[in-house]
């Protein structure tokens, strides 16, 4: 019997929560906000992995001045293993910048310099996180990984994306759908 093609399930604006079975991978204990998902694959930003950089480092590298010390001290996230030198800004506040993608429920992803310049001068969105790199899946790859029990999915929300401490997001995301990782085995099986 030939395998049936996998039809993409729209996961845009969903959180992808790594199951304990991914412990040895780049995605161990990760929470990824899916920003785009279509017939060509999926793209998302990990929202709970700090990088070694601050926003002040990014501003300095881009020649952007900011006198906001708290903003400059903000940790830049490691958004994923794809395009690790490219900056991504997850934010609320609409499509006011040059290169923005509407994710849903008031969330946007912008990749243009103008949003960083606006943030530096105090005119940016109310809530924003900056990430270097993203996560990407080819056609059908994410669906296959979901079928292999590598991930859980949960609806995204602004509190989890912007407010919770980074180290609390993995358990909190799973808790949104009633999962407590303390009681979940680190393997998955099929009946």
N, C-alpha and C. Protein backbone atom coordinates (compact mmCIF):
# COMPACT_ATOMS: atom_id res chain seq x y z
N UNK A 1 0.84 -1.17 0.00
CA UNK A 1 0.00 0.00 0.00
C UNK A 1 0.89 1.24 0.00
N UNK A 2 0.67 2.14 -0.91
CA UNK A 2 1.47 3.36 -1.02
C UNK A 2 1.13 4.31 0.11
N UNK A 3 2.14 5.03 0.58
CA UNK A 3 1.93 6.00 1.65
C UNK A 3 1.10 7.16 1.12
N UNK A 4 0.16 7.59 1.93
CA UNK A 4 -0.65 8.74 1.55
C UNK A 4 0.15 10.01 1.80
N UNK A 5 0.02 11.00 0.91
CA UNK A 5 0.74 12.25 1.13
C UNK A 5 0.23 12.92 2.40
N UNK A 6 1.14 13.58 3.09
CA UNK A 6 0.79 14.28 4.31
C UNK A 6 0.31 15.68 3.94
N UNK A 7 -0.90 16.02 4.37
CA UNK A 7 -1.46 17.34 4.11
C UNK A 7 -1.10 18.26 5.26
N UNK A 8 -0.54 19.43 4.96
CA UNK A 8 -0.16 20.34 6.05
C UNK A 8 -1.37 20.75 6.89
N UNK A 9 -1.17 20.79 8.17
CA UNK A 9 -2.16 21.30 9.10
C UNK A 9 -1.73 22.72 9.45
N UNK A 10 -2.62 23.66 9.34
CA UNK A 10 -2.19 25.05 9.61
C UNK A 10 -1.83 25.23 11.08
N UNK A 11 -0.55 25.40 11.32
CA UNK A 11 -0.04 25.56 12.68
C UNK A 11 0.43 26.97 12.98
N UNK A 12 0.18 27.88 12.05
CA UNK A 12 0.58 29.27 12.25
C UNK A 12 -0.04 29.79 13.55
N UNK A 13 0.76 30.48 14.35
CA UNK A 13 0.37 31.05 15.63
C UNK A 13 0.16 29.99 16.70
N UNK A 14 0.74 28.82 16.51
CA UNK A 14 0.71 27.76 17.52
C UNK A 14 2.11 27.64 18.12
N UNK A 15 2.15 27.17 19.35
CA UNK A 15 3.42 26.87 19.99
C UNK A 15 3.76 25.42 19.73
N UNK A 16 4.97 25.18 19.34
CA UNK A 16 5.49 23.84 19.14
C UNK A 16 6.37 23.54 20.35
N UNK A 17 5.98 22.55 21.14
CA UNK A 17 6.64 22.25 22.40
C UNK A 17 7.39 20.93 22.25
N UNK A 18 8.70 20.98 22.43
CA UNK A 18 9.53 19.78 22.28
C UNK A 18 9.21 18.79 23.38
N UNK A 19 8.97 17.55 23.00
CA UNK A 19 8.78 16.49 23.97
C UNK A 19 10.15 16.03 24.50
N UNK A 20 10.17 15.40 25.66
CA UNK A 20 11.46 14.95 26.23
C UNK A 20 12.25 14.04 25.29
N UNK A 21 11.60 13.40 24.33
CA UNK A 21 12.31 12.52 23.39
C UNK A 21 13.30 13.30 22.51
N UNK A 22 13.19 14.62 22.44
CA UNK A 22 14.12 15.44 21.66
C UNK A 22 15.31 15.92 22.50
N UNK A 23 15.56 15.27 23.62
CA UNK A 23 16.57 15.73 24.58
C UNK A 23 17.95 15.93 23.96
N UNK A 24 18.36 15.14 23.01
CA UNK A 24 19.69 15.26 22.45
C UNK A 24 19.79 16.17 21.23
N UNK A 25 18.73 16.88 20.88
CA UNK A 25 18.73 17.68 19.67
C UNK A 25 18.86 19.18 19.96
N UNK A 26 18.98 19.97 18.89
CA UNK A 26 19.01 21.43 19.02
C UNK A 26 17.71 21.96 19.62
N UNK A 27 16.66 21.16 19.59
CA UNK A 27 15.35 21.61 20.05
C UNK A 27 14.99 21.11 21.45
N UNK A 28 15.93 20.54 22.17
CA UNK A 28 15.66 20.02 23.52
C UNK A 28 15.03 21.10 24.38
N UNK A 29 13.91 20.77 25.01
CA UNK A 29 13.17 21.66 25.92
C UNK A 29 12.84 23.00 25.28
N UNK A 30 12.61 23.02 23.98
CA UNK A 30 12.33 24.28 23.30
C UNK A 30 10.83 24.51 23.14
N UNK A 31 10.50 25.79 23.03
CA UNK A 31 9.16 26.23 22.66
C UNK A 31 9.35 27.13 21.45
N UNK A 32 8.67 26.78 20.36
CA UNK A 32 8.82 27.51 19.10
C UNK A 32 7.47 28.06 18.68
N UNK A 33 7.43 29.35 18.41
CA UNK A 33 6.21 29.96 17.87
C UNK A 33 6.24 29.78 16.35
N UNK A 34 5.25 29.07 15.81
CA UNK A 34 5.18 28.88 14.36
C UNK A 34 4.65 30.16 13.73
N UNK A 35 5.46 30.77 12.89
CA UNK A 35 5.13 32.06 12.27
C UNK A 35 4.54 31.89 10.88
N UNK A 36 4.89 30.81 10.21
CA UNK A 36 4.41 30.57 8.85
C UNK A 36 4.32 29.07 8.65
N UNK A 37 3.24 28.62 8.02
CA UNK A 37 3.06 27.20 7.74
C UNK A 37 2.16 27.07 6.53
N UNK A 38 2.70 26.45 5.48
CA UNK A 38 1.94 26.27 4.25
C UNK A 38 2.45 25.03 3.52
N UNK A 39 2.08 24.88 2.27
CA UNK A 39 2.48 23.71 1.50
C UNK A 39 3.99 23.59 1.30
N UNK A 40 4.72 24.70 1.48
CA UNK A 40 6.18 24.69 1.30
C UNK A 40 6.94 24.34 2.57
N UNK A 41 6.24 24.24 3.70
CA UNK A 41 6.90 23.91 4.95
C UNK A 41 6.48 24.86 6.05
N UNK A 42 7.34 24.98 7.05
CA UNK A 42 7.02 25.81 8.21
C UNK A 42 8.26 26.56 8.67
N UNK A 43 8.02 27.69 9.33
CA UNK A 43 9.09 28.51 9.90
C UNK A 43 8.61 29.02 11.25
N UNK A 44 9.52 29.01 12.23
CA UNK A 44 9.17 29.51 13.54
C UNK A 44 10.38 30.07 14.26
N UNK A 45 10.10 30.66 15.42
CA UNK A 45 11.14 31.25 16.26
C UNK A 45 11.07 30.60 17.63
N UNK A 46 12.20 30.04 18.08
CA UNK A 46 12.26 29.51 19.45
C UNK A 46 12.18 30.70 20.41
N UNK A 47 11.29 30.61 21.39
CA UNK A 47 11.05 31.74 22.28
C UNK A 47 11.54 31.52 23.71
N UNK A 48 12.34 30.49 23.92
CA UNK A 48 12.80 30.25 25.29
C UNK A 48 14.30 29.94 25.39
N UNK A 49 15.06 30.26 24.36
CA UNK A 49 16.48 29.94 24.37
C UNK A 49 17.30 31.23 24.28
N UNK A 50 17.99 31.62 25.36
CA UNK A 50 18.79 32.85 25.29
C UNK A 50 20.04 32.64 24.43
N UNK A 51 20.45 33.71 23.76
CA UNK A 51 21.73 33.67 23.05
C UNK A 51 22.77 34.32 23.96
N UNK A 52 23.95 34.46 23.46
CA UNK A 52 25.02 35.10 24.24
C UNK A 52 25.01 36.61 24.04
N UNK A 53 24.07 37.14 23.27
CA UNK A 53 24.04 38.56 22.91
C UNK A 53 22.92 39.31 23.62
N UNK A 54 23.13 40.62 23.74
CA UNK A 54 22.08 41.51 24.23
C UNK A 54 21.62 42.38 23.06
N UNK A 55 20.51 43.06 23.29
CA UNK A 55 20.02 43.97 22.25
C UNK A 55 21.02 45.10 22.03
N UNK A 56 21.73 45.50 23.08
CA UNK A 56 22.78 46.51 22.93
C UNK A 56 23.87 46.06 21.98
N UNK A 57 24.22 44.76 22.02
CA UNK A 57 25.20 44.22 21.08
C UNK A 57 24.69 44.35 19.64
N UNK A 58 23.41 44.02 19.45
CA UNK A 58 22.80 44.10 18.11
C UNK A 58 22.77 45.56 17.65
N UNK A 59 22.32 46.46 18.53
CA UNK A 59 22.30 47.88 18.17
C UNK A 59 23.69 48.35 17.76
N UNK A 60 24.70 47.99 18.55
CA UNK A 60 26.07 48.40 18.25
C UNK A 60 26.55 47.89 16.91
N UNK A 61 26.25 46.63 16.61
CA UNK A 61 26.67 46.05 15.34
C UNK A 61 25.98 46.72 14.15
N UNK A 62 24.76 47.21 14.38
CA UNK A 62 24.01 47.84 13.30
C UNK A 62 24.17 49.35 13.25
N UNK A 63 24.98 49.90 14.17
CA UNK A 63 25.19 51.35 14.20
C UNK A 63 23.96 52.12 14.66
N UNK A 64 23.17 51.52 15.54
CA UNK A 64 21.97 52.16 16.07
C UNK A 64 22.27 52.60 17.50
N UNK A 65 21.99 53.87 17.80
CA UNK A 65 22.22 54.39 19.14
C UNK A 65 20.96 54.27 19.98
N UNK A 66 21.14 53.88 21.24
CA UNK A 66 20.03 53.84 22.19
C UNK A 66 20.54 54.23 23.56
N UNK A 67 19.80 55.10 24.22
CA UNK A 67 20.16 55.51 25.57
C UNK A 67 19.36 54.74 26.62
N UNK A 68 18.50 53.83 26.18
CA UNK A 68 17.67 53.03 27.08
C UNK A 68 18.50 51.83 27.55
N UNK A 69 19.03 51.93 28.77
CA UNK A 69 19.91 50.88 29.28
C UNK A 69 19.18 49.56 29.50
N UNK A 70 17.95 49.63 29.96
CA UNK A 70 17.17 48.40 30.17
C UNK A 70 16.92 47.69 28.85
N UNK A 71 16.57 48.44 27.83
CA UNK A 71 16.35 47.85 26.51
C UNK A 71 17.65 47.26 25.97
N UNK A 72 18.74 47.98 26.10
CA UNK A 72 20.04 47.50 25.61
C UNK A 72 20.50 46.24 26.33
N UNK A 73 20.07 46.05 27.57
CA UNK A 73 20.45 44.87 28.34
C UNK A 73 19.56 43.66 28.05
N UNK A 74 18.48 43.87 27.31
CA UNK A 74 17.56 42.76 27.00
C UNK A 74 18.29 41.65 26.26
N UNK A 75 18.06 40.42 26.69
CA UNK A 75 18.70 39.26 26.07
C UNK A 75 18.09 39.01 24.69
N UNK A 76 18.95 38.76 23.72
CA UNK A 76 18.51 38.35 22.39
C UNK A 76 18.38 36.83 22.41
N UNK A 77 17.32 36.31 21.84
CA UNK A 77 17.09 34.87 21.84
C UNK A 77 17.82 34.18 20.70
N UNK A 78 18.11 32.92 20.90
CA UNK A 78 18.60 32.05 19.83
C UNK A 78 17.34 31.46 19.20
N UNK A 79 16.91 32.01 18.08
CA UNK A 79 15.63 31.67 17.48
C UNK A 79 15.60 30.34 16.75
N UNK A 80 16.75 29.79 16.46
CA UNK A 80 16.82 28.50 15.78
C UNK A 80 18.09 28.37 14.97
N UNK A 81 18.32 27.18 14.44
CA UNK A 81 19.59 26.91 13.76
C UNK A 81 19.67 27.42 12.31
N UNK A 82 18.57 27.90 11.75
CA UNK A 82 18.57 28.37 10.36
C UNK A 82 18.82 29.89 10.35
N UNK A 83 19.69 30.36 9.49
CA UNK A 83 20.03 31.79 9.37
C UNK A 83 20.41 32.40 10.72
N UNK A 84 21.41 31.86 11.44
CA UNK A 84 21.72 32.34 12.78
C UNK A 84 22.23 33.78 12.84
N UNK A 85 22.62 34.37 11.73
CA UNK A 85 23.07 35.76 11.73
C UNK A 85 21.94 36.74 11.43
N UNK A 86 20.77 36.23 11.07
CA UNK A 86 19.64 37.08 10.68
C UNK A 86 18.77 37.39 11.89
N UNK A 87 18.36 38.65 12.02
CA UNK A 87 17.53 39.07 13.14
C UNK A 87 16.05 39.00 12.83
N UNK A 88 15.29 38.58 13.83
CA UNK A 88 13.83 38.48 13.75
C UNK A 88 13.26 39.16 14.98
N UNK A 89 12.22 39.97 14.80
CA UNK A 89 11.57 40.63 15.92
C UNK A 89 10.12 40.15 16.00
N UNK A 90 9.79 39.45 17.09
CA UNK A 90 8.41 39.07 17.38
C UNK A 90 7.82 40.21 18.20
N UNK A 91 6.65 40.70 17.80
CA UNK A 91 6.11 41.88 18.49
C UNK A 91 4.61 41.98 18.36
N UNK A 92 4.05 42.87 19.16
CA UNK A 92 2.66 43.26 18.99
C UNK A 92 2.66 44.63 18.29
N UNK A 93 1.53 45.24 18.14
CA UNK A 93 1.50 46.62 17.66
C UNK A 93 1.31 46.83 16.17
N UNK A 94 1.05 45.83 15.39
CA UNK A 94 0.68 46.05 14.01
C UNK A 94 1.79 45.99 12.98
N UNK A 95 1.39 46.31 11.76
CA UNK A 95 2.27 46.21 10.58
C UNK A 95 2.83 47.57 10.19
N UNK A 96 3.50 48.23 11.10
CA UNK A 96 4.00 49.57 10.84
C UNK A 96 5.40 49.59 10.24
N UNK A 97 6.04 48.42 10.08
CA UNK A 97 7.42 48.39 9.65
C UNK A 97 7.55 47.76 8.28
N UNK A 98 8.71 47.93 7.66
CA UNK A 98 8.90 47.56 6.26
C UNK A 98 8.63 46.10 5.93
N UNK A 99 9.13 45.19 6.72
CA UNK A 99 9.02 43.78 6.37
C UNK A 99 8.39 43.01 7.52
N UNK A 100 7.05 43.02 7.56
CA UNK A 100 6.33 42.37 8.65
C UNK A 100 5.38 41.31 8.13
N UNK A 101 5.21 40.29 8.94
CA UNK A 101 4.30 39.19 8.65
C UNK A 101 3.31 39.09 9.81
N UNK A 102 2.03 39.07 9.49
CA UNK A 102 1.01 38.90 10.52
C UNK A 102 0.97 37.42 10.89
N UNK A 103 1.17 37.14 12.18
CA UNK A 103 1.13 35.76 12.66
C UNK A 103 -0.28 35.42 13.12
N UNK A 104 -0.90 36.32 13.87
CA UNK A 104 -2.26 36.13 14.36
C UNK A 104 -2.39 36.60 15.78
N UNK A 105 -3.61 36.86 16.21
CA UNK A 105 -3.91 37.32 17.58
C UNK A 105 -3.02 38.47 18.02
N UNK A 106 -2.80 39.42 17.12
CA UNK A 106 -2.01 40.59 17.49
C UNK A 106 -0.52 40.39 17.50
N UNK A 107 -0.03 39.24 17.01
CA UNK A 107 1.41 38.98 16.94
C UNK A 107 1.91 39.17 15.52
N UNK A 108 3.12 39.71 15.41
CA UNK A 108 3.74 39.98 14.12
C UNK A 108 5.21 39.59 14.17
N UNK A 109 5.78 39.33 13.01
CA UNK A 109 7.21 39.05 12.87
C UNK A 109 7.77 40.04 11.87
N UNK A 110 8.79 40.78 12.27
CA UNK A 110 9.40 41.78 11.40
C UNK A 110 10.89 41.49 11.28
N UNK A 111 11.40 41.63 10.07
CA UNK A 111 12.82 41.35 9.82
C UNK A 111 13.59 42.57 9.32
N UNK A 112 12.97 43.74 9.31
CA UNK A 112 13.65 44.93 8.79
C UNK A 112 14.28 45.76 9.91
N UNK A 113 15.28 46.50 9.55
CA UNK A 113 16.06 47.32 10.47
C UNK A 113 15.22 48.42 11.11
N UNK A 114 14.19 48.90 10.41
CA UNK A 114 13.44 50.05 10.90
C UNK A 114 12.76 49.80 12.25
N UNK A 115 12.36 48.56 12.54
CA UNK A 115 11.74 48.30 13.83
C UNK A 115 12.77 48.39 14.96
N UNK A 116 14.00 47.95 14.71
CA UNK A 116 15.05 48.06 15.72
C UNK A 116 15.39 49.53 15.98
N UNK A 117 15.45 50.34 14.93
CA UNK A 117 15.72 51.77 15.09
C UNK A 117 14.59 52.43 15.88
N UNK A 118 13.34 52.05 15.61
CA UNK A 118 12.20 52.60 16.35
C UNK A 118 12.27 52.18 17.82
N UNK A 119 12.61 50.93 18.08
CA UNK A 119 12.75 50.47 19.46
C UNK A 119 13.83 51.26 20.19
N UNK A 120 14.95 51.50 19.54
CA UNK A 120 16.08 52.20 20.16
C UNK A 120 15.72 53.62 20.56
N UNK A 121 14.84 54.26 19.79
CA UNK A 121 14.46 55.64 20.12
C UNK A 121 13.16 55.72 20.93
N UNK A 122 12.66 54.56 21.40
CA UNK A 122 11.48 54.54 22.24
C UNK A 122 10.17 54.59 21.50
N UNK A 123 10.18 54.32 20.18
CA UNK A 123 8.97 54.39 19.37
C UNK A 123 8.57 53.02 18.81
N UNK A 124 9.06 51.95 19.42
CA UNK A 124 8.77 50.61 18.95
C UNK A 124 7.46 50.08 19.51
N UNK A 125 7.20 48.81 19.26
CA UNK A 125 5.99 48.19 19.79
C UNK A 125 6.04 48.08 21.32
N UNK A 126 4.86 47.91 21.93
CA UNK A 126 4.80 47.79 23.39
C UNK A 126 5.56 46.55 23.88
N UNK A 127 5.45 45.46 23.15
CA UNK A 127 6.11 44.21 23.53
C UNK A 127 6.86 43.66 22.33
N UNK A 128 8.12 43.29 22.55
CA UNK A 128 8.93 42.74 21.46
C UNK A 128 10.04 41.88 22.03
N UNK A 129 10.36 40.83 21.30
CA UNK A 129 11.56 40.05 21.59
C UNK A 129 12.33 39.93 20.28
N UNK A 130 13.65 39.97 20.40
CA UNK A 130 14.52 39.88 19.25
C UNK A 130 15.22 38.53 19.30
N UNK A 131 15.28 37.87 18.15
CA UNK A 131 15.93 36.56 18.05
C UNK A 131 16.88 36.56 16.87
N UNK A 132 17.96 35.81 17.01
CA UNK A 132 18.87 35.56 15.91
C UNK A 132 18.63 34.14 15.44
N UNK A 133 18.32 33.98 14.16
CA UNK A 133 18.04 32.67 13.60
C UNK A 133 16.59 32.28 13.75
N UNK A 134 16.24 31.22 13.04
CA UNK A 134 14.88 30.70 13.09
C UNK A 134 14.94 29.18 12.93
N UNK A 135 13.80 28.57 13.07
CA UNK A 135 13.67 27.13 12.85
C UNK A 135 12.89 26.94 11.56
N UNK A 136 13.27 25.95 10.78
CA UNK A 136 12.58 25.72 9.51
C UNK A 136 12.38 24.25 9.24
N UNK A 137 11.28 23.95 8.58
CA UNK A 137 10.94 22.59 8.19
C UNK A 137 10.53 22.59 6.73
N UNK A 138 10.99 21.61 5.97
CA UNK A 138 10.61 21.48 4.57
C UNK A 138 9.20 20.93 4.43
N UNK A 139 8.76 20.81 3.20
CA UNK A 139 7.42 20.30 2.91
C UNK A 139 7.18 18.97 3.61
N UNK A 140 6.14 18.92 4.45
CA UNK A 140 5.76 17.69 5.13
C UNK A 140 6.64 17.28 6.30
N UNK A 141 7.77 17.93 6.51
CA UNK A 141 8.71 17.52 7.56
C UNK A 141 8.12 17.70 8.96
N UNK A 142 7.50 18.84 9.21
CA UNK A 142 6.93 19.08 10.53
C UNK A 142 5.78 18.10 10.79
N UNK A 143 4.95 17.86 9.79
CA UNK A 143 3.85 16.91 9.95
C UNK A 143 4.38 15.52 10.28
N UNK A 144 5.47 15.14 9.64
CA UNK A 144 6.09 13.84 9.92
C UNK A 144 6.58 13.80 11.36
N UNK A 145 7.25 14.86 11.81
CA UNK A 145 7.76 14.90 13.18
C UNK A 145 6.61 14.89 14.20
N UNK A 146 5.51 15.53 13.88
CA UNK A 146 4.34 15.48 14.77
C UNK A 146 3.81 14.05 14.84
N UNK A 147 3.79 13.36 13.70
CA UNK A 147 3.35 11.97 13.66
C UNK A 147 4.28 11.03 14.41
N UNK A 148 5.54 11.43 14.57
CA UNK A 148 6.52 10.64 15.32
C UNK A 148 6.53 10.99 16.80
N UNK A 149 5.57 11.80 17.23
CA UNK A 149 5.46 12.20 18.63
C UNK A 149 6.68 12.95 19.15
N UNK A 150 7.22 13.86 18.32
CA UNK A 150 8.34 14.67 18.76
C UNK A 150 7.89 15.98 19.40
N UNK A 151 6.67 16.40 19.10
CA UNK A 151 6.19 17.71 19.51
C UNK A 151 4.76 17.66 20.06
N UNK A 152 4.46 18.61 20.92
CA UNK A 152 3.09 18.94 21.29
C UNK A 152 2.79 20.30 20.67
N UNK A 153 1.52 20.60 20.46
CA UNK A 153 1.15 21.93 20.00
C UNK A 153 0.17 22.53 20.99
N UNK A 154 0.24 23.85 21.11
CA UNK A 154 -0.66 24.59 21.99
C UNK A 154 -0.87 25.97 21.39
N UNK A 155 -2.01 26.59 21.65
CA UNK A 155 -2.22 27.96 21.16
C UNK A 155 -1.22 28.91 21.80
N UNK A 156 -0.78 29.90 21.04
CA UNK A 156 0.14 30.89 21.62
C UNK A 156 -0.66 31.93 22.39
N UNK A 157 0.03 32.62 23.25
CA UNK A 157 -0.58 33.76 23.93
C UNK A 157 0.52 34.75 24.30
N UNK A 158 0.13 36.00 24.40
CA UNK A 158 1.10 37.08 24.62
C UNK A 158 1.86 36.94 25.93
N UNK A 159 1.19 36.48 26.98
CA UNK A 159 1.87 36.33 28.27
C UNK A 159 3.04 35.37 28.15
N UNK A 160 2.82 34.23 27.50
CA UNK A 160 3.89 33.25 27.37
C UNK A 160 5.00 33.77 26.46
N UNK A 161 4.64 34.42 25.38
CA UNK A 161 5.64 34.90 24.42
C UNK A 161 6.46 36.06 24.98
N UNK A 162 5.83 36.97 25.72
CA UNK A 162 6.54 38.20 26.13
C UNK A 162 6.85 38.32 27.62
N UNK A 163 6.08 37.68 28.49
CA UNK A 163 6.19 38.00 29.91
C UNK A 163 6.87 36.94 30.77
N UNK A 164 6.61 35.68 30.53
CA UNK A 164 7.15 34.64 31.40
C UNK A 164 8.68 34.56 31.28
N UNK A 165 9.36 34.24 32.38
CA UNK A 165 10.81 34.03 32.30
C UNK A 165 11.12 32.91 31.29
N UNK A 166 12.23 33.04 30.60
CA UNK A 166 12.59 32.07 29.56
C UNK A 166 12.60 30.64 30.07
N UNK A 167 13.16 30.43 31.27
CA UNK A 167 13.28 29.07 31.77
C UNK A 167 11.96 28.47 32.26
N UNK A 168 10.90 29.26 32.30
CA UNK A 168 9.59 28.75 32.71
C UNK A 168 8.68 28.45 31.51
N UNK A 169 9.08 28.85 30.33
CA UNK A 169 8.18 28.76 29.16
C UNK A 169 7.90 27.34 28.70
N UNK A 170 8.86 26.44 28.78
CA UNK A 170 8.64 25.07 28.30
C UNK A 170 7.55 24.38 29.12
N UNK A 171 7.70 24.39 30.43
CA UNK A 171 6.68 23.77 31.29
C UNK A 171 5.36 24.52 31.23
N UNK A 172 5.41 25.84 31.16
CA UNK A 172 4.18 26.63 31.11
C UNK A 172 3.41 26.37 29.82
N UNK A 173 4.12 26.27 28.70
CA UNK A 173 3.45 25.99 27.41
C UNK A 173 2.76 24.64 27.46
N UNK A 174 3.43 23.64 27.98
CA UNK A 174 2.82 22.31 28.10
C UNK A 174 1.64 22.35 29.07
N UNK A 175 1.78 23.10 30.14
CA UNK A 175 0.70 23.23 31.11
C UNK A 175 -0.55 23.85 30.53
N UNK A 176 -0.40 24.68 29.49
CA UNK A 176 -1.56 25.31 28.84
C UNK A 176 -2.51 24.26 28.25
N UNK A 177 -1.96 23.07 27.94
CA UNK A 177 -2.81 22.01 27.39
C UNK A 177 -2.91 20.83 28.36
N UNK A 178 -2.60 21.07 29.63
CA UNK A 178 -2.78 20.06 30.66
C UNK A 178 -1.69 19.02 30.77
N UNK A 179 -0.50 19.29 30.20
CA UNK A 179 0.60 18.34 30.27
C UNK A 179 1.59 18.78 31.34
N UNK A 180 1.98 17.84 32.18
CA UNK A 180 3.01 18.07 33.19
C UNK A 180 4.18 17.16 32.83
N UNK A 181 5.29 17.74 32.39
CA UNK A 181 6.42 16.93 31.95
C UNK A 181 7.02 16.08 33.06
N UNK A 182 6.79 16.42 34.30
CA UNK A 182 7.30 15.61 35.40
C UNK A 182 6.70 14.21 35.39
N UNK A 183 5.51 14.06 34.79
CA UNK A 183 4.83 12.76 34.75
C UNK A 183 4.89 12.10 33.38
N UNK A 184 5.63 12.68 32.43
CA UNK A 184 5.67 12.16 31.07
C UNK A 184 6.97 11.41 30.85
N UNK A 185 6.88 10.18 30.35
CA UNK A 185 8.09 9.40 30.05
C UNK A 185 8.87 10.08 28.94
N UNK A 186 10.17 9.81 28.88
CA UNK A 186 11.01 10.43 27.87
C UNK A 186 11.06 9.64 26.57
N UNK A 187 10.06 8.83 26.34
CA UNK A 187 9.96 8.11 25.08
C UNK A 187 8.51 8.14 24.64
N UNK A 188 8.29 7.85 23.37
CA UNK A 188 6.93 7.82 22.83
C UNK A 188 6.74 6.51 22.09
N UNK A 189 5.56 6.04 22.08
CA UNK A 189 5.28 4.78 21.36
C UNK A 189 3.93 4.85 20.68
N UNK A 190 3.66 3.87 19.88
CA UNK A 190 2.38 3.78 19.17
C UNK A 190 1.73 2.46 19.55
N UNK A 191 0.44 2.51 19.78
CA UNK A 191 -0.31 1.28 20.11
C UNK A 191 -0.60 0.50 18.85
